[in-house]
Every structure is written in C-alpha cells, then in structure tokens.
Amino acid sequence: MFGDNGNVIDLDSAAEAIAEAEVLVIGFDFTADRMLIDLRSDPGGHTLPLVELVEPLGSATERTLWLQERRPEVAPPERFIFMGWPHTAQYLKDAALLDMVTTRMKAEQGIDPSEDLGSILKELRRRERLDTRSAVTGAEGFETLWSRVRR
C-alpha cells in the first residue's frame, strides 16, 4: 500500500509481530544488512536475547541454521518473522517499535537492550546518510538522470 509519502507500513501489524515473534528480522532499503532481534533465551537463562546487525541470507531456513550454529543452547525458533522497513531509520525509532522490543525484553528476560538498539540505530542512520549521498552524487549502483552542465 502507498500513501502520499511512499510505502505505508501497518504499525499495528508490526507491533503484533514484535509481541509474538521469537525471531524478528528487519530489512532496509539503504543497506543489505538486517537488524536481527532474537527474543529467545535458553531454559536456564544463560543465553540472553540477541540484537545485532547481520548479513542477509537467502531464506528463513538459512537464518534458522545460522541461529542454531550461533546459539546452539537455544531451541530453533517456532515464530520467525521477516519485515521489510520501507522508511528511514529515524522513523523506526519514532514509531516506537524499538521501545516495544525493549519493553518485551525487560518483561520477559529482565534485561534492557536500549544501549544495543541505540548503537544499531546510530549505525543504520550512518549507512542511510551514505546511501543518500551516493544516490545524490550518482555513485556506483545509482544512475544520475540529470547531470550538471558546466560552462
């Protein structure tokens, strides 16, 4: 669905995904990497949830195998959700979705991921600025439709 300013995301559905998913992967237009939010922990509570930027993989099956290698003490996820984020990194923060992640982690595991989420958001903003600069200057991967005429 599109609005006056481009793609519209159903924030209620996004909030529902955060409330129900065991693993949430968010993809962005301005970077190939994904934000991975793995809300699971092991039964003993020794392995805490994971929040980080990760490389893209080809499928949910590949991501599940990656998670099993990375976090063998945690059972494979039953609820895995991929969400494309068609907006800016700042709007991800402004839409309070990351606050929902923080609230859930505090309630379920008693941990505060705010610092990790803040670092990831800062990195996403940096990448977004670089992508915008590349688009404006016609860097590799972008095509300049109108060029400046020098006189």
N, C-alpha and C. Protein backbone atom coordinates (compact mmCIF):
# COMPACT_ATOMS: atom_id res chain seq x y z
N MET A 1 0.85 -1.17 0.00
CA MET A 1 0.00 0.00 0.00
C MET A 1 0.89 1.23 0.00
N PHE A 2 0.45 2.29 -0.69
CA PHE A 2 1.22 3.53 -0.77
C PHE A 2 0.40 4.69 -0.23
N GLY A 3 1.08 5.64 0.38
CA GLY A 3 0.47 6.87 0.83
C GLY A 3 1.09 8.03 0.07
N ASP A 4 0.81 9.23 0.50
CA ASP A 4 1.36 10.42 -0.17
C ASP A 4 2.88 10.44 -0.13
N ASN A 5 3.46 9.83 0.89
CA ASN A 5 4.91 9.86 1.05
C ASN A 5 5.54 8.50 0.79
N GLY A 6 4.92 7.66 -0.04
CA GLY A 6 5.51 6.37 -0.37
C GLY A 6 4.82 5.23 0.35
N ASN A 7 5.59 4.17 0.59
CA ASN A 7 5.05 2.98 1.23
C ASN A 7 4.49 3.29 2.62
N VAL A 8 3.39 2.64 2.92
CA VAL A 8 2.79 2.76 4.24
C VAL A 8 2.94 1.41 4.92
N ILE A 9 3.38 1.43 6.15
CA ILE A 9 3.51 0.19 6.91
C ILE A 9 2.43 0.17 7.98
N ASP A 10 1.86 -0.98 8.16
CA ASP A 10 0.82 -1.16 9.18
C ASP A 10 1.52 -1.31 10.53
N LEU A 11 1.55 -0.24 11.29
CA LEU A 11 2.27 -0.25 12.57
C LEU A 11 1.62 -1.20 13.57
N ASP A 12 0.33 -1.41 13.47
CA ASP A 12 -0.33 -2.37 14.36
C ASP A 12 0.16 -3.79 14.08
N SER A 13 0.32 -4.12 12.79
CA SER A 13 0.85 -5.45 12.43
C SER A 13 2.30 -5.59 12.86
N ALA A 14 3.07 -4.51 12.72
CA ALA A 14 4.47 -4.54 13.16
C ALA A 14 4.54 -4.74 14.67
N ALA A 15 3.67 -4.06 15.41
CA ALA A 15 3.64 -4.22 16.87
C ALA A 15 3.23 -5.65 17.24
N GLU A 16 2.29 -6.20 16.50
CA GLU A 16 1.87 -7.59 16.73
C GLU A 16 3.03 -8.55 16.48
N ALA A 17 3.80 -8.30 15.43
CA ALA A 17 4.96 -9.14 15.12
C ALA A 17 5.97 -9.09 16.26
N ILE A 18 6.21 -7.90 16.79
CA ILE A 18 7.15 -7.77 17.91
C ILE A 18 6.64 -8.50 19.14
N ALA A 19 5.33 -8.46 19.36
CA ALA A 19 4.74 -9.10 20.53
C ALA A 19 4.76 -10.62 20.44
N GLU A 20 4.71 -11.17 19.22
CA GLU A 20 4.56 -12.61 19.06
C GLU A 20 5.79 -13.35 18.56
N ALA A 21 6.65 -12.68 17.82
CA ALA A 21 7.78 -13.37 17.19
C ALA A 21 8.81 -13.80 18.19
N GLU A 22 9.43 -14.93 17.90
CA GLU A 22 10.61 -15.33 18.66
C GLU A 22 11.83 -14.69 18.04
N VAL A 23 11.84 -14.65 16.70
CA VAL A 23 12.93 -14.02 15.96
C VAL A 23 12.30 -13.08 14.95
N LEU A 24 12.75 -11.83 14.98
CA LEU A 24 12.28 -10.81 14.04
C LEU A 24 13.49 -10.30 13.28
N VAL A 25 13.39 -10.29 11.95
CA VAL A 25 14.45 -9.75 11.11
C VAL A 25 13.86 -8.60 10.32
N ILE A 26 14.52 -7.45 10.39
CA ILE A 26 14.04 -6.25 9.71
C ILE A 26 15.03 -5.90 8.60
N GLY A 27 14.52 -5.78 7.37
CA GLY A 27 15.33 -5.41 6.22
C GLY A 27 15.09 -3.96 5.85
N PHE A 28 16.11 -3.32 5.30
CA PHE A 28 16.06 -1.91 4.96
C PHE A 28 16.41 -1.70 3.49
N ASP A 29 15.96 -0.57 2.93
CA ASP A 29 16.27 -0.24 1.54
C ASP A 29 17.70 0.25 1.36
N PHE A 30 18.28 0.82 2.39
CA PHE A 30 19.57 1.51 2.26
C PHE A 30 20.77 0.69 2.68
N THR A 31 20.57 -0.53 3.13
CA THR A 31 21.69 -1.41 3.46
C THR A 31 21.24 -2.85 3.25
N ALA A 32 22.18 -3.68 2.83
CA ALA A 32 21.85 -5.10 2.65
C ALA A 32 21.70 -5.81 3.99
N ASP A 33 22.40 -5.32 5.01
CA ASP A 33 22.34 -5.97 6.32
C ASP A 33 20.96 -5.84 6.93
N ARG A 34 20.67 -6.74 7.85
CA ARG A 34 19.38 -6.79 8.52
C ARG A 34 19.55 -6.58 10.02
N MET A 35 18.52 -6.06 10.65
CA MET A 35 18.50 -6.00 12.11
C MET A 35 17.85 -7.29 12.58
N LEU A 36 18.59 -8.07 13.34
CA LEU A 36 18.07 -9.33 13.87
C LEU A 36 17.76 -9.13 15.35
N ILE A 37 16.54 -9.48 15.72
CA ILE A 37 16.11 -9.42 17.11
C ILE A 37 15.64 -10.82 17.47
N ASP A 38 16.47 -11.52 18.22
CA ASP A 38 16.16 -12.88 18.66
C ASP A 38 15.77 -12.78 20.13
N LEU A 39 14.49 -12.92 20.40
CA LEU A 39 13.95 -12.71 21.74
C LEU A 39 13.98 -13.95 22.61
N ARG A 40 14.61 -15.01 22.14
CA ARG A 40 14.64 -16.27 22.89
C ARG A 40 15.83 -16.31 23.84
N SER A 41 15.68 -17.13 24.86
CA SER A 41 16.79 -17.44 25.75
C SER A 41 16.73 -18.93 26.04
N ASP A 42 17.80 -19.48 26.58
CA ASP A 42 17.80 -20.90 26.91
C ASP A 42 17.02 -21.13 28.21
N PRO A 43 16.61 -22.37 28.47
CA PRO A 43 15.81 -22.65 29.67
C PRO A 43 16.47 -22.21 30.98
N GLY A 44 17.79 -22.26 31.04
CA GLY A 44 18.49 -21.85 32.26
C GLY A 44 18.72 -20.35 32.35
N GLY A 45 18.42 -19.64 31.28
CA GLY A 45 18.62 -18.19 31.26
C GLY A 45 20.06 -17.75 31.10
N HIS A 46 20.93 -18.68 30.64
CA HIS A 46 22.35 -18.34 30.47
C HIS A 46 22.60 -17.63 29.14
N THR A 47 21.78 -17.95 28.13
CA THR A 47 21.90 -17.31 26.83
C THR A 47 20.79 -16.27 26.71
N LEU A 48 21.18 -15.01 26.63
CA LEU A 48 20.22 -13.92 26.59
C LEU A 48 19.77 -13.63 25.16
N PRO A 49 18.71 -12.86 25.00
CA PRO A 49 18.28 -12.46 23.66
C PRO A 49 19.41 -11.76 22.91
N LEU A 50 19.28 -11.73 21.60
CA LEU A 50 20.32 -11.18 20.73
C LEU A 50 19.73 -10.07 19.87
N VAL A 51 20.43 -8.95 19.80
CA VAL A 51 20.03 -7.84 18.94
C VAL A 51 21.30 -7.38 18.23
N GLU A 52 21.32 -7.51 16.90
CA GLU A 52 22.50 -7.04 16.15
C GLU A 52 22.19 -6.91 14.68
N LEU A 53 23.11 -6.25 13.96
CA LEU A 53 23.04 -6.18 12.51
C LEU A 53 23.72 -7.43 11.96
N VAL A 54 23.06 -8.08 11.00
CA VAL A 54 23.60 -9.32 10.45
C VAL A 54 23.53 -9.27 8.93
N GLU A 55 24.32 -10.14 8.30
CA GLU A 55 24.33 -10.21 6.84
C GLU A 55 23.03 -10.86 6.37
N PRO A 56 22.61 -10.50 5.15
CA PRO A 56 21.39 -11.13 4.62
C PRO A 56 21.66 -12.59 4.25
N LEU A 57 20.64 -13.40 4.39
CA LEU A 57 20.72 -14.79 3.97
C LEU A 57 19.58 -15.05 2.99
N GLY A 58 19.61 -16.21 2.34
CA GLY A 58 18.67 -16.49 1.27
C GLY A 58 17.27 -16.89 1.69
N SER A 59 17.11 -17.35 2.93
CA SER A 59 15.79 -17.85 3.33
C SER A 59 15.70 -17.93 4.85
N ALA A 60 14.48 -18.15 5.33
CA ALA A 60 14.27 -18.35 6.76
C ALA A 60 14.97 -19.61 7.23
N THR A 61 15.03 -20.63 6.37
CA THR A 61 15.72 -21.87 6.72
C THR A 61 17.21 -21.61 6.95
N GLU A 62 17.82 -20.82 6.05
CA GLU A 62 19.24 -20.48 6.23
C GLU A 62 19.46 -19.69 7.52
N ARG A 63 18.52 -18.78 7.83
CA ARG A 63 18.66 -17.99 9.06
C ARG A 63 18.51 -18.89 10.28
N THR A 64 17.60 -19.86 10.22
CA THR A 64 17.42 -20.79 11.33
C THR A 64 18.69 -21.60 11.55
N LEU A 65 19.30 -22.08 10.47
CA LEU A 65 20.56 -22.82 10.59
C LEU A 65 21.67 -21.93 11.16
N TRP A 66 21.71 -20.69 10.71
CA TRP A 66 22.69 -19.72 11.21
C TRP A 66 22.50 -19.52 12.71
N LEU A 67 21.25 -19.38 13.13
CA LEU A 67 20.96 -19.19 14.55
C LEU A 67 21.34 -20.43 15.37
N GLN A 68 21.09 -21.61 14.81
CA GLN A 68 21.44 -22.84 15.52
C GLN A 68 22.95 -22.96 15.71
N GLU A 69 23.73 -22.54 14.71
CA GLU A 69 25.19 -22.53 14.83
C GLU A 69 25.64 -21.49 15.84
N ARG A 70 25.04 -20.34 15.78
CA ARG A 70 25.42 -19.21 16.63
C ARG A 70 24.96 -19.39 18.07
N ARG A 71 23.79 -20.00 18.24
CA ARG A 71 23.18 -20.12 19.56
C ARG A 71 22.68 -21.55 19.79
N PRO A 72 23.59 -22.52 19.87
CA PRO A 72 23.19 -23.93 19.95
C PRO A 72 22.41 -24.29 21.21
N GLU A 73 22.54 -23.50 22.26
CA GLU A 73 21.84 -23.83 23.50
C GLU A 73 20.37 -23.41 23.49
N VAL A 74 19.95 -22.69 22.43
CA VAL A 74 18.56 -22.24 22.31
C VAL A 74 17.87 -23.08 21.24
N ALA A 75 16.67 -23.53 21.52
CA ALA A 75 15.91 -24.35 20.57
C ALA A 75 15.61 -23.55 19.30
N PRO A 76 15.44 -24.22 18.16
CA PRO A 76 15.11 -23.49 16.93
C PRO A 76 13.82 -22.68 17.10
N PRO A 77 13.74 -21.54 16.45
CA PRO A 77 12.55 -20.69 16.62
C PRO A 77 11.30 -21.31 15.99
N GLU A 78 10.19 -21.11 16.66
CA GLU A 78 8.90 -21.53 16.11
C GLU A 78 8.22 -20.38 15.35
N ARG A 79 8.46 -19.15 15.79
CA ARG A 79 7.87 -17.96 15.15
C ARG A 79 8.99 -17.07 14.63
N PHE A 80 9.17 -17.07 13.32
CA PHE A 80 10.23 -16.30 12.66
C PHE A 80 9.54 -15.33 11.71
N ILE A 81 9.79 -14.05 11.88
CA ILE A 81 9.13 -13.05 11.03
C ILE A 81 10.17 -12.16 10.38
N PHE A 82 10.03 -11.98 9.06
CA PHE A 82 10.85 -11.01 8.32
C PHE A 82 9.94 -9.84 7.98
N MET A 83 10.44 -8.63 8.22
CA MET A 83 9.67 -7.43 7.93
C MET A 83 10.55 -6.46 7.15
N GLY A 84 10.08 -6.06 5.99
CA GLY A 84 10.78 -5.02 5.24
C GLY A 84 10.39 -3.66 5.81
N TRP A 85 11.38 -2.82 6.06
CA TRP A 85 11.12 -1.49 6.60
C TRP A 85 11.37 -0.47 5.49
N PRO A 86 10.29 0.10 4.92
CA PRO A 86 10.44 0.99 3.76
C PRO A 86 10.71 2.45 4.12
N HIS A 87 10.97 2.73 5.38
CA HIS A 87 11.14 4.11 5.83
C HIS A 87 12.56 4.32 6.37
N THR A 88 12.75 5.48 6.95
CA THR A 88 14.06 5.83 7.50
C THR A 88 14.31 5.11 8.81
N ALA A 89 15.57 5.10 9.19
CA ALA A 89 15.94 4.54 10.49
C ALA A 89 15.33 5.39 11.61
N GLN A 90 15.29 6.68 11.41
CA GLN A 90 14.71 7.56 12.44
C GLN A 90 13.23 7.24 12.65
N TYR A 91 12.51 6.93 11.57
CA TYR A 91 11.09 6.61 11.73
C TYR A 91 10.90 5.28 12.45
N LEU A 92 11.85 4.38 12.33
CA LEU A 92 11.79 3.13 13.10
C LEU A 92 11.79 3.46 14.59
N LYS A 93 12.60 4.43 14.97
CA LYS A 93 12.64 4.87 16.37
C LYS A 93 11.38 5.66 16.71
N ASP A 94 10.99 6.60 15.86
CA ASP A 94 9.83 7.45 16.12
C ASP A 94 8.53 6.66 16.21
N ALA A 95 8.45 5.56 15.48
CA ALA A 95 7.24 4.73 15.50
C ALA A 95 7.15 3.89 16.77
N ALA A 96 8.14 3.98 17.62
CA ALA A 96 8.19 3.32 18.93
C ALA A 96 8.29 1.80 18.84
N LEU A 97 8.67 1.27 17.69
CA LEU A 97 8.80 -0.18 17.56
C LEU A 97 9.97 -0.70 18.40
N LEU A 98 11.05 0.05 18.44
CA LEU A 98 12.19 -0.38 19.25
C LEU A 98 11.87 -0.29 20.74
N ASP A 99 11.01 0.66 21.11
CA ASP A 99 10.56 0.73 22.50
C ASP A 99 9.76 -0.52 22.87
N MET A 100 8.99 -1.04 21.91
CA MET A 100 8.23 -2.26 22.15
C MET A 100 9.16 -3.45 22.37
N VAL A 101 10.25 -3.50 21.61
CA VAL A 101 11.25 -4.56 21.80
C VAL A 101 11.84 -4.45 23.20
N THR A 102 12.20 -3.23 23.59
CA THR A 102 12.77 -3.01 24.92
C THR A 102 11.80 -3.43 26.01
N THR A 103 10.55 -3.03 25.88
CA THR A 103 9.53 -3.39 26.88
C THR A 103 9.38 -4.89 27.00
N ARG A 104 9.35 -5.57 25.86
CA ARG A 104 9.20 -7.03 25.88
C ARG A 104 10.40 -7.70 26.53
N MET A 105 11.61 -7.28 26.18
CA MET A 105 12.81 -7.90 26.77
C MET A 105 12.88 -7.65 28.27
N LYS A 106 12.51 -6.46 28.69
CA LYS A 106 12.51 -6.16 30.13
C LYS A 106 11.50 -7.06 30.85
N ALA A 107 10.31 -7.22 30.27
CA ALA A 107 9.25 -8.01 30.90
C ALA A 107 9.59 -9.50 30.93
N GLU A 108 10.14 -10.02 29.82
CA GLU A 108 10.36 -11.46 29.72
C GLU A 108 11.71 -11.92 30.27
N GLN A 109 12.76 -11.13 30.07
CA GLN A 109 14.09 -11.57 30.50
C GLN A 109 14.73 -10.66 31.54
N GLY A 110 14.09 -9.53 31.82
CA GLY A 110 14.65 -8.61 32.81
C GLY A 110 15.89 -7.89 32.34
N ILE A 111 16.06 -7.74 31.03
CA ILE A 111 17.23 -7.03 30.51
C ILE A 111 16.78 -5.82 29.71
N ASP A 112 17.66 -4.84 29.62
CA ASP A 112 17.38 -3.61 28.90
C ASP A 112 18.29 -3.52 27.67
N PRO A 113 17.75 -3.73 26.46
CA PRO A 113 18.58 -3.69 25.25
C PRO A 113 18.73 -2.29 24.66
N SER A 114 18.35 -1.26 25.41
CA SER A 114 18.34 0.10 24.87
C SER A 114 19.69 0.53 24.31
N GLU A 115 20.77 0.18 25.00
CA GLU A 115 22.10 0.58 24.53
C GLU A 115 22.44 -0.10 23.21
N ASP A 116 22.17 -1.41 23.11
CA ASP A 116 22.43 -2.14 21.86
C ASP A 116 21.56 -1.61 20.73
N LEU A 117 20.28 -1.39 21.01
CA LEU A 117 19.38 -0.87 19.99
C LEU A 117 19.80 0.54 19.56
N GLY A 118 20.25 1.35 20.51
CA GLY A 118 20.73 2.69 20.19
C GLY A 118 21.96 2.66 19.29
N SER A 119 22.88 1.74 19.57
CA SER A 119 24.08 1.61 18.73
C SER A 119 23.72 1.16 17.32
N ILE A 120 22.79 0.22 17.22
CA ILE A 120 22.36 -0.25 15.90
C ILE A 120 21.66 0.87 15.15
N LEU A 121 20.81 1.61 15.83
CA LEU A 121 20.11 2.73 15.19
C LEU A 121 21.10 3.79 14.70
N LYS A 122 22.11 4.06 15.48
CA LYS A 122 23.16 5.02 15.07
C LYS A 122 23.86 4.53 13.81
N GLU A 123 24.20 3.25 13.77
CA GLU A 123 24.85 2.68 12.59
C GLU A 123 23.92 2.71 11.39
N LEU A 124 22.65 2.41 11.59
CA LEU A 124 21.69 2.45 10.48
C LEU A 124 21.56 3.87 9.93
N ARG A 125 21.54 4.86 10.80
CA ARG A 125 21.48 6.26 10.33
C ARG A 125 22.72 6.61 9.52
N ARG A 126 23.88 6.15 9.97
CA ARG A 126 25.13 6.41 9.24
C ARG A 126 25.06 5.81 7.84
N ARG A 127 24.62 4.57 7.77
CA ARG A 127 24.51 3.89 6.47
C ARG A 127 23.48 4.57 5.58
N GLU A 128 22.42 5.03 6.17
CA GLU A 128 21.38 5.72 5.41
C GLU A 128 21.92 7.02 4.81
N ARG A 129 22.70 7.77 5.59
CA ARG A 129 23.31 9.00 5.08
C ARG A 129 24.27 8.70 3.92
N LEU A 130 25.07 7.65 4.07
CA LEU A 130 25.99 7.26 2.99
C LEU A 130 25.23 6.87 1.73
N ASP A 131 24.13 6.14 1.90
CA ASP A 131 23.32 5.73 0.76
C ASP A 131 22.70 6.95 0.07
N THR A 132 22.22 7.89 0.85
CA THR A 132 21.65 9.12 0.29
C THR A 132 22.71 9.91 -0.46
N ARG A 133 23.88 10.03 0.13
CA ARG A 133 24.98 10.75 -0.53
C ARG A 133 25.35 10.07 -1.85
N SER A 134 25.40 8.75 -1.84
CA SER A 134 25.72 8.01 -3.06
C SER A 134 24.66 8.22 -4.13
N ALA A 135 23.41 8.27 -3.74
CA ALA A 135 22.33 8.49 -4.70
C ALA A 135 22.43 9.89 -5.31
N VAL A 136 22.72 10.87 -4.49
CA VAL A 136 22.79 12.25 -4.96
C VAL A 136 23.98 12.45 -5.89
N THR A 137 25.10 11.81 -5.59
CA THR A 137 26.31 12.02 -6.40
C THR A 137 26.40 11.05 -7.57
N GLY A 138 25.45 10.13 -7.68
CA GLY A 138 25.47 9.17 -8.79
C GLY A 138 26.57 8.14 -8.65
N ALA A 139 26.88 7.76 -7.44
CA ALA A 139 27.92 6.76 -7.19
C ALA A 139 27.50 5.40 -7.75
N GLU A 140 28.42 4.44 -7.66
CA GLU A 140 28.16 3.10 -8.17
C GLU A 140 26.86 2.55 -7.58
N GLY A 141 26.05 1.99 -8.46
CA GLY A 141 24.76 1.45 -8.04
C GLY A 141 23.63 2.44 -8.20
N PHE A 142 23.95 3.67 -8.54
CA PHE A 142 22.94 4.71 -8.75
C PHE A 142 23.17 5.36 -10.11
N GLU A 143 22.11 5.78 -10.72
CA GLU A 143 22.20 6.42 -12.03
C GLU A 143 21.73 7.86 -11.90
N THR A 144 22.53 8.79 -12.39
CA THR A 144 22.15 10.19 -12.40
C THR A 144 21.38 10.47 -13.67
N LEU A 145 20.14 10.93 -13.51
CA LEU A 145 19.29 11.19 -14.66
C LEU A 145 19.59 12.55 -15.28
N TRP A 146 19.94 13.52 -14.47
CA TRP A 146 20.25 14.85 -14.96
C TRP A 146 21.63 15.21 -14.49
N SER A 147 22.47 15.58 -15.40
CA SER A 147 23.81 15.98 -15.00
C SER A 147 23.96 17.49 -15.11
N ARG A 148 24.85 18.01 -14.33
CA ARG A 148 25.11 19.43 -14.32
C ARG A 148 25.85 19.83 -15.58
N VAL A 149 25.40 20.89 -16.20
CA VAL A 149 26.06 21.40 -17.40
C VAL A 149 27.09 22.43 -16.96
N ARG A 150 28.34 22.15 -17.27
CA ARG A 150 29.42 23.08 -16.92
C ARG A 150 29.64 24.06 -18.06
N ARG A 151 29.80 25.32 -17.72
CA ARG A 151 30.00 26.36 -18.76
C ARG A 151 31.32 27.03 -18.57
